[in-house]
Amino acid sequence: MLEPADTTGDPPPGRLAERQAELVAALVAGGPAPPGFASAPLAATRTALLRKRAGDVARHWPLLAAGLGADWSATFAGWAAQRPTAGSLRDGWDLARTLRERDALPPAGAEELATREARLRYGGVEAPRPRRLPAVARAGGAVAVQIAGRVRLLRPARRPVATPPAPGGDGVPDAARSATWISD
């Protein structure tokens, strides 16, 4: 039996779902722009969604975000542009592990990662689960231990060596390099 012709102009239900999946992939997983969509508005929407996602991850991983400082948004966007989200906690965890592999994990982020890995078990696929047995975790020189559900940071991460104070100064290191732009 033949189906009646669709006179409304709407695509068939199977094709609509396919187009919606293409659009979602283009927005959140770095997929190509679907035919019929303007590239500039699509890129603006993709950027806005990455910014929102970075904010959500920063709420779950505040020390990692603070450790990266002004580079947080660009670092996260570069990492997340081709990856669909796995949730804010897991996205931050995966980013921290990637930065650790590249030796680019800031000390505060290393301490946060070590503490999380001592408290929770996460293999990268399933949601994190609390550990039942004692655990030791290391990241960027930081060492955390979990015993009886309590986590302690035994050793903080290595910090960069501070620059020595300028000769004739007040003995306070000039971390912001303000001497180059402040005049007497």
Protein backbone atom coordinates (compact mmCIF):
# COMPACT_ATOMS: atom_id res chain seq x y z
CA MET A 1 0.00 0.00 0.00
CA LEU A 2 1.30 3.44 -0.89
CA GLU A 3 1.63 6.15 1.74
CA PRO A 4 -0.05 9.47 1.00
CA ALA A 5 2.27 12.18 -0.28
CA ASP A 6 3.46 14.77 2.28
CA THR A 7 2.10 18.12 1.18
CA THR A 8 3.39 20.16 4.17
CA GLY A 9 6.99 20.38 2.93
CA ASP A 10 8.39 18.89 6.15
CA PRO A 11 11.15 16.31 5.75
CA PRO A 12 10.28 12.73 6.58
CA PRO A 13 10.73 11.93 10.33
CA GLY A 14 13.84 9.78 9.73
CA ARG A 15 15.53 12.54 7.73
CA LEU A 16 14.70 15.18 10.36
CA ALA A 17 16.39 13.14 13.09
CA GLU A 18 19.40 12.69 10.82
CA ARG A 19 19.66 16.46 10.19
CA GLN A 20 19.31 17.20 13.90
CA ALA A 21 22.14 14.77 14.68
CA GLU A 22 24.34 16.47 12.05
CA LEU A 23 23.63 19.87 13.61
CA VAL A 24 24.41 18.67 17.14
CA ALA A 25 27.66 17.07 15.93
CA ALA A 26 28.64 20.32 14.22
CA LEU A 27 27.93 22.35 17.36
CA VAL A 28 29.45 20.21 20.11
CA ALA A 29 31.72 17.60 18.55
CA GLY A 30 33.58 19.48 15.82
CA GLY A 31 31.61 17.93 12.98
CA PRO A 32 31.23 19.58 9.58
CA ALA A 33 28.51 22.15 9.04
CA PRO A 34 25.35 20.52 7.69
CA PRO A 35 24.18 21.66 4.27
CA GLY A 36 21.91 24.69 4.39
CA PHE A 37 23.41 26.26 7.54
CA ALA A 38 25.33 29.51 7.40
CA SER A 39 28.88 28.99 8.68
CA ALA A 40 29.27 32.29 10.58
CA PRO A 41 26.26 31.86 12.91
CA LEU A 42 27.15 28.19 13.36
CA ALA A 43 30.73 29.12 14.38
CA ALA A 44 29.44 31.78 16.78
CA THR A 45 27.09 29.28 18.40
CA ARG A 46 29.88 26.70 18.65
CA THR A 47 32.14 29.29 20.36
CA ALA A 48 29.39 30.28 22.80
CA LEU A 49 28.73 26.64 23.70
CA LEU A 50 32.46 26.01 24.27
CA ARG A 51 32.62 29.09 26.52
CA LYS A 52 29.61 27.86 28.52
CA ARG A 53 31.13 24.39 28.79
CA ALA A 54 34.45 25.88 29.98
CA GLY A 55 32.59 27.77 32.71
CA ASP A 56 30.85 24.59 33.85
CA VAL A 57 34.14 22.69 33.98
CA ALA A 58 35.81 25.56 35.86
CA ARG A 59 33.13 25.27 38.56
CA HIS A 60 34.05 21.59 39.06
CA TRP A 61 37.83 22.15 38.68
CA PRO A 62 38.47 25.64 40.14
CA LEU A 63 42.16 25.07 40.93
CA LEU A 64 42.88 23.78 37.42
CA ALA A 65 41.14 26.82 35.89
CA ALA A 66 42.88 29.23 38.28
CA GLY A 67 46.25 27.59 37.64
CA LEU A 68 45.87 28.17 33.91
CA GLY A 69 44.70 31.73 34.53
CA ALA A 70 44.13 33.74 31.37
CA ASP A 71 44.98 30.68 29.26
CA TRP A 72 42.05 28.67 30.69
CA SER A 73 39.48 29.47 27.98
CA ALA A 74 41.87 28.94 25.07
CA THR A 75 43.34 25.77 26.57
CA PHE A 76 39.93 24.29 27.25
CA ALA A 77 38.49 25.32 23.88
CA GLY A 78 41.47 23.83 22.02
CA TRP A 79 41.09 20.57 23.91
CA ALA A 80 37.28 20.34 23.79
CA ALA A 81 36.61 21.55 20.23
CA GLN A 82 36.65 18.04 18.74
CA ARG A 83 35.21 16.18 21.76
CA PRO A 84 31.59 15.80 22.77
CA THR A 85 31.01 16.49 26.44
CA ALA A 86 31.09 13.70 28.99
CA GLY A 87 29.90 16.02 31.77
CA SER A 88 31.76 18.82 33.54
CA LEU A 89 33.52 16.66 36.12
CA ARG A 90 34.74 14.15 33.56
CA ASP A 91 35.70 16.82 31.00
CA GLY A 92 37.89 18.53 33.59
CA TRP A 93 39.40 15.22 34.65
CA ASP A 94 40.23 14.25 31.08
CA LEU A 95 41.70 17.69 30.37
CA ALA A 96 43.84 17.54 33.53
CA ARG A 97 45.15 14.11 32.53
CA THR A 98 45.93 15.36 29.03
CA LEU A 99 47.82 18.36 30.44
CA ARG A 100 49.71 16.03 32.81
CA GLU A 101 50.81 13.90 29.85
CA ARG A 102 52.07 17.04 28.08
CA ASP A 103 53.85 18.33 31.24
CA ALA A 104 51.61 21.40 31.05
CA LEU A 105 49.57 20.84 34.23
CA PRO A 106 49.88 23.83 36.60
CA PRO A 107 50.79 23.04 40.23
CA ALA A 108 47.33 23.89 41.62
CA GLY A 109 45.74 21.66 38.97
CA ALA A 110 48.18 18.86 39.83
CA GLU A 111 47.16 19.01 43.48
CA GLU A 112 43.49 19.01 42.52
CA LEU A 113 43.99 16.04 40.18
CA ALA A 114 45.97 14.05 42.76
CA THR A 115 43.30 14.69 45.38
CA ARG A 116 40.49 13.64 43.02
CA GLU A 117 42.31 10.50 41.92
CA ALA A 118 42.94 9.50 45.53
CA ARG A 119 39.26 9.97 46.40
CA LEU A 120 37.58 8.60 43.27
CA ARG A 121 38.18 5.81 40.75
CA TYR A 122 37.86 6.98 37.15
CA GLY A 123 38.98 4.99 34.13
CA GLY A 124 37.94 7.53 31.49
CA VAL A 125 34.83 5.70 30.34
CA GLU A 126 32.37 5.30 33.22
CA ALA A 127 31.38 7.87 35.82
CA PRO A 128 33.80 8.29 38.76
CA ARG A 129 33.09 6.10 41.80
CA PRO A 130 34.32 6.49 45.40
CA ARG A 131 37.27 4.31 46.31
CA ARG A 132 36.74 1.73 49.04
CA LEU A 133 40.35 0.84 49.73
CA PRO A 134 43.23 3.13 50.67
CA ALA A 135 44.79 4.84 47.67
CA VAL A 136 47.79 6.99 46.75
CA ALA A 137 47.69 9.34 43.76
CA ARG A 138 50.44 11.42 42.15
CA ALA A 139 50.27 14.26 39.66
CA GLY A 140 52.91 16.84 38.82
CA GLY A 141 54.89 16.12 41.98
CA ALA A 142 51.79 16.31 44.21
CA VAL A 143 51.04 13.25 46.31
CA ALA A 144 47.64 12.62 47.91
CA VAL A 145 46.54 9.69 50.03
CA GLN A 146 43.05 8.47 50.88
CA ILE A 147 42.47 6.35 53.98
CA ALA A 148 39.04 5.61 55.43
CA GLY A 149 37.38 8.07 53.07
CA ARG A 150 39.59 11.02 54.06
CA VAL A 151 42.01 12.52 51.58
CA ARG A 152 45.19 14.31 52.59
CA LEU A 153 47.67 16.07 50.36
CA LEU A 154 51.01 14.72 51.58
CA ARG A 155 53.22 16.70 49.24
CA PRO A 156 52.23 19.77 47.21
CA ALA A 157 53.15 20.07 43.56
CA ARG A 158 56.45 21.63 42.55
CA ARG A 159 56.19 25.36 42.07
CA PRO A 160 58.32 27.31 39.59
CA VAL A 161 61.35 28.99 41.11
CA ALA A 162 60.58 32.59 42.03
CA THR A 163 62.60 35.31 40.36
CA PRO A 164 65.10 37.00 42.69
CA PRO A 165 64.34 40.57 43.77
CA ALA A 166 65.78 43.39 41.73
CA PRO A 167 68.98 44.94 43.11
CA GLY A 168 68.26 47.91 45.33
CA GLY A 169 64.64 46.85 45.71
CA ASP A 170 62.63 46.22 48.84
CA GLY A 171 63.31 42.46 48.90
CA VAL A 172 59.89 41.56 47.52
CA PRO A 173 60.06 39.60 44.24
CA ASP A 174 58.56 41.40 41.26
CA ALA A 175 56.39 38.53 39.97
CA ALA A 176 54.24 40.87 37.87
CA ARG A 177 57.31 42.51 36.33
CA SER A 178 55.84 45.88 37.30
CA ALA A 179 59.28 47.53 37.43
CA THR A 180 59.21 47.65 33.65
CA TRP A 181 56.12 49.83 33.51
CA ILE A 182 56.18 51.78 36.78
CA SER A 183 58.38 54.84 36.79
CA ASP A 184 59.42 57.06 39.67
